[in-house]
């Protein structure tokens, strides 16, 4: 494989401010994860909801909170996600023969929308049960790279990724203060990415990742009432590992003719597990503050990472050791609050929040300065700060909420409604 081809793959991976699948491919390198809880109300409070968890979205956010719901509920949420995906812009060779970038990122803009959360809640005497559908991921992007120098081949890449969970959760009270919850979810996963690269002398290569898979995940939750106004929440969410097909082909033997596959293998996509701890304090009957800390195991995504161009069973380190490309686990810090104008004929809630998204960019973790990935994967994008806001109206048997989450690379807008009966 030429250094230009290898470097194109490596740089495209490095430049993404997002999580990765387990091959070094441009398409999936752009995938952006956002582990905010469902619901416009939660979104507008910075996603800090583990300890509060007092509406139907508790079925996913923290099942222990379901015990606070005393009436049957039907809820629906729609979300619009707007992505600005950074990708490779330019690269040039330094005097010692290594490579350095001069402007890392162009941006490919894309968006998705749809019904992101549906649920039905049924309170019983000793427990509360919820059924739900939650869209964990709905991401798509496409971008082109047309170099102005002689070091890289031009390419076009697109990627679509979706994961929908169908779940059931239950929450029950254990004594006066302790609430426990658990849930199980069936995940429906789909991945489709294609990168087409124009090499020298009319040669075209294609790298494809595609497939659908299913699996079970589970959620465990706890909520403890320290006082009537102060609560502690904990949640652990385990997601499944999915399998998909990886292939690569070229028409090198006959430029412009039939593609001949030289890679056909299987790879994994392991959605990171999340452990969250939160505190909720009701300062007054109208004013509540929430604080969450979530540990996200991003490192699971690069366990057993493999080369995109090496067949199964072949030496994966021929053009650099992909095992030295690592993601590190990250800690999200979320803070938000809600103020309710309870004296209005229809109570109006105003909400705002902020949260810190830890940097989870792929980095070279070796100590060999001559490794092709050493300089390419040395850049840092830094943590990203998200600012959130929203409002809601609560009628006797119906409520409607709006929320927004704004950041440098990822904006989300949410509209949700709940009917109680």
Foldseek 3Di string as FASTA:
>chain_A
DDLQAVLQLLLLLQLWQAFAFQASGNARSQDHADPQQDDQVCQQFQSQPQQPLQDQSCQPSFQLNLVNDDFKKKKWKKKKKKFWTWGAAAKDADPVRAIAGDDRTDTWIDMDIDTAKIKIWDDDDFKIKMKMKGKRDWDKTKDWYDYPDDRHWTKIKIKTKTKMWTKMKMKGDDPDWKIWMKMKIKIKIWIWMKMWTQDPPQKIKMKIKTDIFIDMKMKIKMKGPPDPFKIKIKMKIADDKGKIWIWMWMCVVPRPDDTDIPAIDMGIAGAWIKIKIKMKGDPDPFKIKMKMKMKTASQVNHVVRFYSRAHPPGDRQPQHDSNQWGWGIDMKIKIKMKGWPVPDPWIKIKMWIKMKAARGRIAGRDDDPPRNSHNSNHDGDGIKMKIKIWMKTHDPFKIKIWMWIDIDTMIMIMIMMMGTD
